[in-house]
């Protein structure tokens, strides 16, 4: 009798295992061209930008903030400038509550799930968007402003942690420079 219950529970266990296999990977550093996740920017003036990095549910808050800084450094260096000053910067948290219900069926499709019990799992998905405005500066203003960053140092320090997509979109290789692409790494959280 025990063997029959184990065999009958197999389809349910396979479904649960396949859902776990679909685990989402953190958003890589990429332009938000074919997806809503990644970086985007808008030039507001010759030396002023609005930038955003939108992460998916698997992207930690710190990574979203780092990728925003990294994009600001890239844009600053592309403009031939050495420093940038954030005028405003924020991180928005988006929350979505979900639940998964796994239970035994009725009649012909009844599968005993651990002696007929149901599993109800509630969880909250949250993701982060980092948004900021900055100006590029031709040099270090030397005023000790904590919102001023050396673009080359930011790029050098954050670059090794930048995770590129497995299948780059158009513009990814240009953004980091073909010789500067760091090896893909996984975020630890």
N, C-alpha and C. Protein backbone atom coordinates (compact mmCIF):
# COMPACT_ATOMS: atom_id res chain seq x y z
N UNK A 1 0.82 -1.19 0.00
CA UNK A 1 0.00 0.00 0.00
C UNK A 1 0.86 1.26 0.00
N UNK A 2 1.96 1.26 0.78
CA UNK A 2 2.85 2.42 0.83
C UNK A 2 3.46 2.70 -0.54
N UNK A 3 3.81 1.67 -1.26
CA UNK A 3 4.42 1.83 -2.58
C UNK A 3 3.45 2.55 -3.52
N UNK A 4 2.14 2.20 -3.47
CA UNK A 4 1.16 2.83 -4.34
C UNK A 4 1.02 4.32 -4.04
N UNK A 5 1.08 4.70 -2.77
CA UNK A 5 1.00 6.12 -2.40
C UNK A 5 2.23 6.88 -2.92
N UNK A 6 3.38 6.26 -2.84
CA UNK A 6 4.60 6.91 -3.33
C UNK A 6 4.52 7.13 -4.83
N UNK A 7 4.04 6.13 -5.57
CA UNK A 7 3.93 6.26 -7.02
C UNK A 7 2.87 7.29 -7.38
N UNK A 8 1.77 7.33 -6.65
CA UNK A 8 0.70 8.28 -6.93
C UNK A 8 1.15 9.71 -6.64
N UNK A 9 2.03 9.91 -5.68
CA UNK A 9 2.50 11.25 -5.34
C UNK A 9 3.57 11.75 -6.31
N UNK A 10 4.10 10.88 -7.13
CA UNK A 10 5.19 11.24 -8.04
C UNK A 10 4.84 12.40 -8.98
N UNK A 11 3.66 12.42 -9.64
CA UNK A 11 3.36 13.57 -10.51
C UNK A 11 3.37 14.90 -9.77
N UNK A 12 2.84 14.93 -8.56
CA UNK A 12 2.83 16.16 -7.77
C UNK A 12 4.24 16.58 -7.42
N UNK A 13 5.06 15.65 -7.02
CA UNK A 13 6.44 15.98 -6.68
C UNK A 13 7.21 16.47 -7.90
N UNK A 14 6.93 15.91 -9.06
CA UNK A 14 7.58 16.36 -10.29
C UNK A 14 7.20 17.80 -10.62
N UNK A 15 5.95 18.14 -10.41
CA UNK A 15 5.49 19.52 -10.65
C UNK A 15 6.21 20.48 -9.72
N UNK A 16 6.29 20.12 -8.45
CA UNK A 16 6.97 20.98 -7.48
C UNK A 16 8.44 21.14 -7.84
N UNK A 17 9.09 20.07 -8.23
CA UNK A 17 10.51 20.13 -8.61
C UNK A 17 10.72 20.98 -9.85
N UNK A 18 9.80 20.88 -10.82
CA UNK A 18 9.97 21.68 -12.04
C UNK A 18 9.75 23.16 -11.78
N UNK A 19 8.88 23.50 -10.83
CA UNK A 19 8.71 24.90 -10.46
C UNK A 19 9.97 25.46 -9.83
N UNK A 20 10.63 24.66 -9.02
CA UNK A 20 11.89 25.09 -8.41
C UNK A 20 13.00 25.25 -9.43
N UNK A 21 12.96 24.48 -10.51
CA UNK A 21 13.99 24.56 -11.54
C UNK A 21 13.87 25.84 -12.36
N UNK A 22 12.71 26.46 -12.29
CA UNK A 22 12.49 27.69 -13.06
C UNK A 22 12.95 28.92 -12.28
N UNK A 23 13.84 28.74 -11.33
CA UNK A 23 14.30 29.85 -10.51
C UNK A 23 14.89 30.96 -11.37
N UNK A 24 14.53 32.17 -11.04
CA UNK A 24 14.94 33.33 -11.80
C UNK A 24 16.38 33.74 -11.46
N UNK A 25 17.11 34.18 -12.44
CA UNK A 25 18.46 34.69 -12.25
C UNK A 25 18.40 36.20 -12.08
N UNK A 26 19.33 36.81 -11.35
CA UNK A 26 19.35 38.27 -11.22
C UNK A 26 19.51 38.95 -12.58
N UNK A 27 18.97 40.14 -12.70
CA UNK A 27 19.08 40.92 -13.93
C UNK A 27 20.54 41.21 -14.20
N UNK A 28 21.04 40.86 -15.37
CA UNK A 28 22.43 41.20 -15.71
C UNK A 28 22.53 42.69 -16.09
N UNK A 29 23.76 43.17 -16.17
CA UNK A 29 24.00 44.55 -16.60
C UNK A 29 23.78 44.59 -18.10
N UNK A 30 22.66 45.19 -18.51
CA UNK A 30 22.28 45.22 -19.91
C UNK A 30 21.36 46.41 -20.15
N UNK A 31 21.30 46.89 -21.38
CA UNK A 31 20.31 47.93 -21.68
C UNK A 31 18.91 47.34 -21.64
N UNK A 32 17.95 48.12 -21.22
CA UNK A 32 16.56 47.68 -21.16
C UNK A 32 15.94 47.88 -22.55
N UNK A 33 16.39 47.09 -23.51
CA UNK A 33 15.91 47.21 -24.89
C UNK A 33 14.79 46.21 -25.15
N UNK A 34 15.09 44.93 -25.04
CA UNK A 34 14.11 43.88 -25.32
C UNK A 34 13.38 43.41 -24.06
N UNK A 35 13.69 44.00 -22.93
CA UNK A 35 13.10 43.61 -21.66
C UNK A 35 12.90 44.87 -20.83
N UNK A 36 12.07 44.81 -19.84
CA UNK A 36 11.87 45.99 -18.99
C UNK A 36 12.93 46.09 -17.92
N UNK A 37 13.80 45.09 -17.82
CA UNK A 37 14.84 45.08 -16.81
C UNK A 37 16.18 45.44 -17.42
N UNK A 38 16.94 46.27 -16.72
CA UNK A 38 18.24 46.71 -17.19
C UNK A 38 18.35 48.22 -17.03
N UNK A 39 19.35 48.81 -17.70
CA UNK A 39 19.55 50.25 -17.55
C UNK A 39 18.95 51.02 -18.72
N UNK A 40 18.62 52.27 -18.42
CA UNK A 40 18.18 53.22 -19.43
C UNK A 40 18.64 54.59 -18.97
N UNK A 41 18.80 55.48 -19.92
CA UNK A 41 19.21 56.84 -19.58
C UNK A 41 18.59 57.82 -20.55
N UNK A 42 18.56 59.06 -20.12
CA UNK A 42 18.10 60.15 -20.97
C UNK A 42 19.00 61.34 -20.71
N UNK A 43 19.56 61.89 -21.78
CA UNK A 43 20.37 63.11 -21.64
C UNK A 43 19.41 64.28 -21.51
N UNK A 44 19.54 65.05 -20.43
CA UNK A 44 18.68 66.19 -20.19
C UNK A 44 19.31 67.49 -20.66
N UNK A 45 20.62 67.60 -20.50
CA UNK A 45 21.41 68.73 -20.98
C UNK A 45 22.75 68.18 -21.42
N UNK A 46 23.65 69.03 -21.90
CA UNK A 46 24.95 68.53 -22.36
C UNK A 46 25.70 67.77 -21.27
N UNK A 47 25.54 68.19 -20.02
CA UNK A 47 26.28 67.56 -18.92
C UNK A 47 25.38 66.93 -17.87
N UNK A 48 24.11 66.72 -18.20
CA UNK A 48 23.15 66.24 -17.20
C UNK A 48 22.35 65.06 -17.75
N UNK A 49 22.23 64.01 -16.92
CA UNK A 49 21.52 62.79 -17.32
C UNK A 49 20.52 62.36 -16.26
N UNK A 50 19.52 61.63 -16.71
CA UNK A 50 18.65 60.86 -15.83
C UNK A 50 18.92 59.40 -16.17
N UNK A 51 19.22 58.58 -15.17
CA UNK A 51 19.53 57.17 -15.39
C UNK A 51 18.63 56.31 -14.50
N UNK A 52 18.43 55.08 -14.94
CA UNK A 52 17.62 54.14 -14.18
C UNK A 52 18.15 52.74 -14.40
N UNK A 53 18.11 51.93 -13.35
CA UNK A 53 18.36 50.50 -13.50
C UNK A 53 17.22 49.77 -12.81
N UNK A 54 16.50 48.96 -13.58
CA UNK A 54 15.37 48.17 -13.06
C UNK A 54 15.81 46.72 -12.93
N UNK A 55 15.71 46.18 -11.74
CA UNK A 55 16.06 44.79 -11.51
C UNK A 55 14.82 43.92 -11.38
N UNK A 56 14.98 42.63 -11.65
CA UNK A 56 13.87 41.70 -11.45
C UNK A 56 13.83 41.26 -9.98
N UNK A 57 12.95 40.31 -9.66
CA UNK A 57 12.75 39.88 -8.28
C UNK A 57 13.99 39.20 -7.68
N UNK A 58 14.90 38.72 -8.51
CA UNK A 58 16.09 38.03 -8.01
C UNK A 58 17.30 38.96 -7.88
N UNK A 59 17.13 40.23 -8.21
CA UNK A 59 18.24 41.18 -8.18
C UNK A 59 18.25 41.92 -6.85
N UNK A 60 19.31 41.79 -6.06
CA UNK A 60 19.38 42.47 -4.77
C UNK A 60 19.42 43.99 -4.91
N UNK A 61 18.96 44.66 -3.89
CA UNK A 61 18.94 46.13 -3.86
C UNK A 61 20.34 46.71 -4.10
N UNK A 62 21.35 46.16 -3.46
CA UNK A 62 22.71 46.67 -3.60
C UNK A 62 23.20 46.56 -5.04
N UNK A 63 22.84 45.49 -5.73
CA UNK A 63 23.25 45.32 -7.12
C UNK A 63 22.61 46.37 -8.00
N UNK A 64 21.33 46.65 -7.77
CA UNK A 64 20.62 47.67 -8.54
C UNK A 64 21.31 49.03 -8.35
N UNK A 65 21.68 49.35 -7.12
CA UNK A 65 22.37 50.61 -6.84
C UNK A 65 23.75 50.65 -7.49
N UNK A 66 24.49 49.55 -7.42
CA UNK A 66 25.82 49.49 -8.03
C UNK A 66 25.74 49.66 -9.54
N UNK A 67 24.77 49.02 -10.18
CA UNK A 67 24.63 49.12 -11.63
C UNK A 67 24.25 50.54 -12.06
N UNK A 68 23.49 51.25 -11.24
CA UNK A 68 23.17 52.65 -11.52
C UNK A 68 24.45 53.49 -11.49
N UNK A 69 25.27 53.29 -10.46
CA UNK A 69 26.55 54.01 -10.35
C UNK A 69 27.47 53.66 -11.53
N UNK A 70 27.50 52.39 -11.87
CA UNK A 70 28.36 51.95 -12.97
C UNK A 70 27.94 52.60 -14.28
N UNK A 71 26.64 52.70 -14.53
CA UNK A 71 26.15 53.32 -15.77
C UNK A 71 26.48 54.81 -15.78
N UNK A 72 26.35 55.47 -14.64
CA UNK A 72 26.70 56.89 -14.55
C UNK A 72 28.19 57.09 -14.85
N UNK A 73 29.04 56.20 -14.35
CA UNK A 73 30.48 56.29 -14.62
C UNK A 73 30.76 56.09 -16.10
N UNK A 74 30.10 55.14 -16.73
CA UNK A 74 30.30 54.91 -18.17
C UNK A 74 29.91 56.13 -19.00
N UNK A 75 28.78 56.72 -18.68
CA UNK A 75 28.31 57.89 -19.43
C UNK A 75 29.25 59.08 -19.22
N UNK A 76 29.75 59.23 -18.01
CA UNK A 76 30.68 60.32 -17.71
C UNK A 76 31.96 60.17 -18.53
N UNK A 77 32.53 58.97 -18.54
CA UNK A 77 33.76 58.74 -19.30
C UNK A 77 33.52 58.86 -20.80
N UNK A 78 32.36 58.45 -21.27
CA UNK A 78 32.02 58.58 -22.70
C UNK A 78 31.93 60.04 -23.11
N UNK A 79 31.57 60.92 -22.17
CA UNK A 79 31.51 62.36 -22.44
C UNK A 79 32.88 63.03 -22.33
N UNK A 80 33.92 62.25 -22.01
CA UNK A 80 35.25 62.82 -21.86
C UNK A 80 35.45 63.56 -20.55
N UNK A 81 34.62 63.26 -19.56
CA UNK A 81 34.70 63.89 -18.25
C UNK A 81 35.25 62.88 -17.24
N UNK A 82 35.72 63.37 -16.10
CA UNK A 82 36.36 62.47 -15.13
C UNK A 82 35.52 62.20 -13.89
N UNK A 83 34.61 63.09 -13.54
CA UNK A 83 33.83 62.95 -12.31
C UNK A 83 32.35 63.20 -12.59
N UNK A 84 31.52 62.74 -11.67
CA UNK A 84 30.09 63.04 -11.76
C UNK A 84 29.54 63.28 -10.37
N UNK A 85 28.49 64.09 -10.32
CA UNK A 85 27.83 64.42 -9.05
C UNK A 85 26.36 64.03 -9.17
N UNK A 86 25.91 63.18 -8.24
CA UNK A 86 24.49 62.85 -8.20
C UNK A 86 23.75 64.01 -7.57
N UNK A 87 22.72 64.48 -8.27
CA UNK A 87 21.87 65.54 -7.76
C UNK A 87 20.72 64.95 -6.94
N UNK A 88 20.26 63.81 -7.39
CA UNK A 88 19.24 63.07 -6.66
C UNK A 88 19.38 61.60 -7.02
N UNK A 89 19.04 60.76 -6.06
CA UNK A 89 19.17 59.32 -6.27
C UNK A 89 18.22 58.63 -5.30
N UNK A 90 17.49 57.64 -5.80
CA UNK A 90 16.57 56.91 -4.93
C UNK A 90 16.42 55.48 -5.42
N UNK A 91 15.93 54.64 -4.53
CA UNK A 91 15.63 53.25 -4.86
C UNK A 91 14.17 53.02 -4.53
N UNK A 92 13.42 52.57 -5.52
CA UNK A 92 12.01 52.25 -5.32
C UNK A 92 11.86 50.74 -5.15
N UNK A 93 11.05 50.35 -4.18
CA UNK A 93 10.76 48.94 -3.95
C UNK A 93 9.35 48.65 -4.44
N UNK A 94 9.22 47.63 -5.27
CA UNK A 94 7.93 47.21 -5.78
C UNK A 94 7.62 45.84 -5.18
N UNK A 95 6.48 45.71 -4.49
CA UNK A 95 6.11 44.47 -3.81
C UNK A 95 4.86 43.87 -4.47
N UNK A 96 4.87 42.55 -4.56
CA UNK A 96 3.71 41.83 -5.10
C UNK A 96 3.55 40.55 -4.29
N UNK A 97 2.37 40.38 -3.69
CA UNK A 97 2.11 39.18 -2.90
C UNK A 97 1.54 38.09 -3.79
N UNK A 98 2.03 36.88 -3.60
CA UNK A 98 1.58 35.73 -4.38
C UNK A 98 1.47 34.53 -3.45
N UNK A 99 0.77 33.53 -3.92
CA UNK A 99 0.71 32.27 -3.18
C UNK A 99 0.65 31.11 -4.15
N UNK A 100 1.13 29.98 -3.70
CA UNK A 100 1.12 28.75 -4.49
C UNK A 100 0.35 27.72 -3.68
N UNK A 101 -0.59 27.07 -4.33
CA UNK A 101 -1.38 26.04 -3.67
C UNK A 101 -1.14 24.73 -4.41
N UNK A 102 -0.72 23.72 -3.67
CA UNK A 102 -0.55 22.38 -4.22
C UNK A 102 -1.40 21.47 -3.37
N UNK A 103 -2.34 20.78 -4.00
CA UNK A 103 -3.20 19.89 -3.22
C UNK A 103 -3.57 18.68 -4.06
N UNK A 104 -4.20 17.76 -3.40
CA UNK A 104 -4.65 16.55 -4.09
C UNK A 104 -5.89 16.87 -4.91
N UNK A 105 -6.08 16.16 -6.01
CA UNK A 105 -7.26 16.36 -6.84
C UNK A 105 -8.42 15.51 -6.36
N UNK A 106 -9.49 15.48 -7.14
CA UNK A 106 -10.67 14.71 -6.80
C UNK A 106 -10.93 13.67 -7.88
N UNK A 107 -11.64 12.64 -7.52
CA UNK A 107 -12.07 11.63 -8.48
C UNK A 107 -10.92 10.94 -9.16
N UNK A 108 -10.97 10.88 -10.49
CA UNK A 108 -9.98 10.18 -11.29
C UNK A 108 -8.58 10.78 -11.14
N UNK A 109 -8.48 12.08 -10.90
CA UNK A 109 -7.18 12.76 -10.84
C UNK A 109 -6.71 12.99 -9.42
N UNK A 110 -7.19 12.24 -8.48
CA UNK A 110 -6.79 12.42 -7.07
C UNK A 110 -5.41 11.81 -6.84
N UNK A 111 -4.49 12.64 -6.35
CA UNK A 111 -3.14 12.19 -6.02
C UNK A 111 -2.90 12.48 -4.55
N UNK A 112 -2.68 11.47 -3.75
CA UNK A 112 -2.41 11.74 -2.33
C UNK A 112 -1.09 12.52 -2.20
N UNK A 113 -1.16 13.62 -1.54
CA UNK A 113 0.03 14.43 -1.31
C UNK A 113 0.36 14.33 0.17
N UNK A 114 1.29 13.45 0.49
CA UNK A 114 1.67 13.24 1.88
C UNK A 114 0.43 13.03 2.74
N UNK A 115 -0.26 11.96 2.49
CA UNK A 115 -1.46 11.54 3.21
C UNK A 115 -2.62 12.51 3.02
N UNK A 116 -2.74 13.10 1.81
CA UNK A 116 -3.90 13.90 1.47
C UNK A 116 -3.87 15.34 1.94
N UNK A 117 -2.74 15.82 2.43
CA UNK A 117 -2.68 17.20 2.90
C UNK A 117 -2.43 18.15 1.73
N UNK A 118 -2.71 19.41 1.93
CA UNK A 118 -2.47 20.45 0.94
C UNK A 118 -1.30 21.31 1.41
N UNK A 119 -0.62 21.91 0.46
CA UNK A 119 0.46 22.83 0.78
C UNK A 119 0.08 24.19 0.22
N UNK A 120 0.02 25.19 1.08
CA UNK A 120 -0.26 26.55 0.64
C UNK A 120 0.93 27.39 1.07
N UNK A 121 1.60 27.98 0.12
CA UNK A 121 2.79 28.77 0.40
C UNK A 121 2.54 30.21 -0.05
N UNK A 122 2.53 31.13 0.87
CA UNK A 122 2.39 32.54 0.53
C UNK A 122 3.75 33.20 0.56
N UNK A 123 4.02 34.11 -0.36
CA UNK A 123 5.29 34.81 -0.37
C UNK A 123 5.12 36.17 -1.05
N UNK A 124 6.07 37.02 -0.82
CA UNK A 124 6.06 38.37 -1.38
C UNK A 124 7.21 38.49 -2.35
N UNK A 125 6.91 38.85 -3.57
CA UNK A 125 7.96 39.16 -4.54
C UNK A 125 8.25 40.65 -4.43
N UNK A 126 9.51 40.99 -4.36
CA UNK A 126 9.85 42.40 -4.39
C UNK A 126 11.02 42.60 -5.34
N UNK A 127 10.99 43.71 -6.00
CA UNK A 127 12.07 44.07 -6.91
C UNK A 127 12.38 45.54 -6.70
N UNK A 128 13.56 45.96 -7.20
CA UNK A 128 14.02 47.32 -6.96
C UNK A 128 14.36 48.03 -8.26
N UNK A 129 14.06 49.32 -8.30
CA UNK A 129 14.48 50.21 -9.38
C UNK A 129 15.30 51.33 -8.75
N UNK A 130 16.50 51.56 -9.26
CA UNK A 130 17.33 52.69 -8.81
C UNK A 130 17.22 53.77 -9.87
N UNK A 131 16.98 55.00 -9.42
CA UNK A 131 16.77 56.13 -10.33
C UNK A 131 17.61 57.29 -9.82
N UNK A 132 18.22 58.02 -10.74
CA UNK A 132 18.99 59.17 -10.33
C UNK A 132 19.22 60.17 -11.44
N UNK A 133 19.56 61.38 -11.03
CA UNK A 133 19.99 62.42 -11.95
C UNK A 133 21.39 62.83 -11.54
N UNK A 134 22.26 63.02 -12.54
CA UNK A 134 23.62 63.44 -12.23
C UNK A 134 24.13 64.39 -13.30
N UNK A 135 25.18 65.12 -12.91
CA UNK A 135 25.88 65.99 -13.86
C UNK A 135 27.31 65.49 -13.97
N UNK A 136 27.87 65.59 -15.17
CA UNK A 136 29.27 65.22 -15.37
C UNK A 136 30.13 66.44 -15.10
N UNK A 137 31.33 66.21 -14.59
CA UNK A 137 32.23 67.29 -14.22
C UNK A 137 33.57 67.08 -14.93
N UNK A 138 34.22 68.17 -15.37
CA UNK A 138 35.50 68.02 -16.06
C UNK A 138 36.64 67.63 -15.14
N UNK A 139 36.49 67.83 -13.85
CA UNK A 139 37.54 67.48 -12.89
C UNK A 139 36.94 67.34 -11.51
N UNK A 140 37.78 67.01 -10.54
CA UNK A 140 37.34 66.85 -9.16
C UNK A 140 37.16 68.23 -8.55
N UNK A 141 35.95 68.55 -8.05
CA UNK A 141 35.75 69.88 -7.46
C UNK A 141 36.47 70.09 -6.14
N UNK A 142 37.04 69.03 -5.55
CA UNK A 142 37.83 69.11 -4.31
C UNK A 142 37.10 69.77 -3.16
N UNK A 143 35.79 69.68 -3.12
CA UNK A 143 35.04 70.28 -2.02
C UNK A 143 34.56 69.25 -1.00
N UNK A 144 34.97 68.00 -1.17
CA UNK A 144 34.60 66.95 -0.23
C UNK A 144 33.15 66.53 -0.30
N UNK A 145 32.47 66.85 -1.38
CA UNK A 145 31.07 66.49 -1.56
C UNK A 145 30.93 64.97 -1.67
N UNK A 146 30.16 64.32 -0.77
CA UNK A 146 30.02 62.87 -0.82
C UNK A 146 29.21 62.37 -2.03
N UNK A 147 28.59 63.28 -2.76
CA UNK A 147 27.82 62.90 -3.95
C UNK A 147 28.64 62.99 -5.22
N UNK A 148 29.94 63.32 -5.11
CA UNK A 148 30.83 63.39 -6.26
C UNK A 148 31.64 62.10 -6.33
N UNK A 149 31.70 61.52 -7.52
CA UNK A 149 32.40 60.25 -7.74
C UNK A 149 33.41 60.39 -8.86
N UNK A 150 34.54 59.73 -8.70
CA UNK A 150 35.54 59.61 -9.75
C UNK A 150 35.07 58.46 -10.66
N UNK A 151 34.74 58.77 -11.91
CA UNK A 151 34.14 57.78 -12.81
C UNK A 151 35.06 56.59 -13.07
N UNK A 152 36.35 56.85 -13.26
CA UNK A 152 37.29 55.76 -13.54
C UNK A 152 37.41 54.82 -12.34
N UNK A 153 37.42 55.38 -11.13
CA UNK A 153 37.51 54.54 -9.93
C UNK A 153 36.24 53.71 -9.73
N UNK A 154 35.08 54.31 -9.97
CA UNK A 154 33.82 53.58 -9.84
C UNK A 154 33.81 52.41 -10.82
N UNK A 155 34.21 52.68 -12.04
CA UNK A 155 34.20 51.63 -13.07
C UNK A 155 35.20 50.51 -12.72
N UNK A 156 36.37 50.90 -12.23
CA UNK A 156 37.39 49.92 -11.87
C UNK A 156 36.96 49.09 -10.66
N UNK A 157 36.37 49.73 -9.66
CA UNK A 157 35.99 49.03 -8.43
C UNK A 157 34.73 48.17 -8.57
N UNK A 158 33.76 48.64 -9.32
CA UNK A 158 32.52 47.89 -9.48
C UNK A 158 32.57 46.91 -10.65
N UNK A 159 33.45 47.16 -11.61
CA UNK A 159 33.54 46.35 -12.82
C UNK A 159 33.64 44.85 -12.60
N UNK A 160 34.48 44.38 -11.67
CA UNK A 160 34.60 42.92 -11.47
C UNK A 160 33.30 42.26 -11.00
N UNK A 161 32.39 43.01 -10.37
CA UNK A 161 31.13 42.43 -9.89
C UNK A 161 30.00 42.56 -10.90
N UNK A 162 30.25 43.26 -11.99
CA UNK A 162 29.20 43.45 -13.00
C UNK A 162 28.99 42.14 -13.74
N UNK A 163 27.75 41.69 -13.75
CA UNK A 163 27.38 40.42 -14.38
C UNK A 163 26.71 40.71 -15.71
N UNK A 164 27.36 40.30 -16.80
CA UNK A 164 26.82 40.51 -18.14
C UNK A 164 25.83 39.40 -18.49
N UNK A 165 24.94 39.67 -19.44
CA UNK A 165 24.00 38.62 -19.85
C UNK A 165 24.73 37.48 -20.56
N UNK A 166 24.16 36.28 -20.47
CA UNK A 166 24.75 35.13 -21.16
C UNK A 166 24.67 35.29 -22.67
N UNK A 167 23.59 35.89 -23.13
CA UNK A 167 23.40 36.15 -24.56
C UNK A 167 23.26 37.66 -24.72
N UNK A 168 24.38 38.37 -24.96
CA UNK A 168 24.36 39.83 -24.98
C UNK A 168 23.37 40.39 -26.01
N UNK A 169 22.71 41.48 -25.57
CA UNK A 169 21.86 42.23 -26.47
C UNK A 169 22.73 43.19 -27.24
N UNK A 170 22.17 43.80 -28.22
CA UNK A 170 22.89 44.80 -29.00
C UNK A 170 23.31 45.93 -28.06
N UNK A 171 24.57 46.30 -28.09
CA UNK A 171 25.07 47.40 -27.28
C UNK A 171 25.80 46.99 -26.02
N UNK A 172 25.64 45.75 -25.55
CA UNK A 172 26.31 45.34 -24.32
C UNK A 172 27.82 45.37 -24.44
N UNK A 173 28.36 44.79 -25.50
CA UNK A 173 29.81 44.75 -25.67
C UNK A 173 30.37 46.15 -25.82
N UNK A 174 29.62 47.03 -26.47
CA UNK A 174 30.08 48.41 -26.64
C UNK A 174 30.09 49.14 -25.31
N UNK A 175 29.10 48.84 -24.45
CA UNK A 175 28.97 49.55 -23.18
C UNK A 175 30.17 49.31 -22.28
N UNK A 176 30.66 48.09 -22.21
CA UNK A 176 31.79 47.79 -21.34
C UNK A 176 33.12 47.83 -22.07
N UNK A 177 33.11 47.86 -23.36
CA UNK A 177 34.34 47.80 -24.12
C UNK A 177 34.75 46.36 -24.27
N UNK A 178 35.07 45.93 -25.47
CA UNK A 178 35.35 44.52 -25.75
C UNK A 178 36.45 43.97 -24.85
N UNK A 179 37.48 44.77 -24.54
CA UNK A 179 38.59 44.24 -23.74
C UNK A 179 38.32 44.35 -22.24
N UNK A 180 37.26 45.10 -21.83
CA UNK A 180 37.02 45.32 -20.41
C UNK A 180 35.93 44.43 -19.85
N UNK A 181 35.38 43.52 -20.63
CA UNK A 181 34.26 42.73 -20.14
C UNK A 181 34.72 41.81 -19.02
N UNK A 182 34.09 41.97 -17.83
CA UNK A 182 34.44 41.06 -16.76
C UNK A 182 33.84 39.69 -17.00
N UNK A 183 34.44 38.69 -16.37
CA UNK A 183 33.89 37.35 -16.52
C UNK A 183 32.57 37.30 -15.76
N UNK A 184 31.61 36.53 -16.30
CA UNK A 184 30.31 36.45 -15.62
C UNK A 184 30.48 35.89 -14.22
N UNK A 185 29.79 36.54 -13.27
CA UNK A 185 29.82 36.11 -11.89
C UNK A 185 28.40 36.06 -11.39
N UNK A 186 28.18 35.33 -10.34
CA UNK A 186 26.85 35.32 -9.74
C UNK A 186 26.86 36.24 -8.54
N UNK A 187 25.74 36.88 -8.32
CA UNK A 187 25.60 37.75 -7.16
C UNK A 187 25.42 36.89 -5.92
N UNK A 188 26.02 37.31 -4.85
CA UNK A 188 25.79 36.59 -3.60
C UNK A 188 24.90 37.44 -2.72
N UNK A 189 23.89 36.81 -2.20
CA UNK A 189 23.01 37.53 -1.32
C UNK A 189 22.62 36.72 -0.15
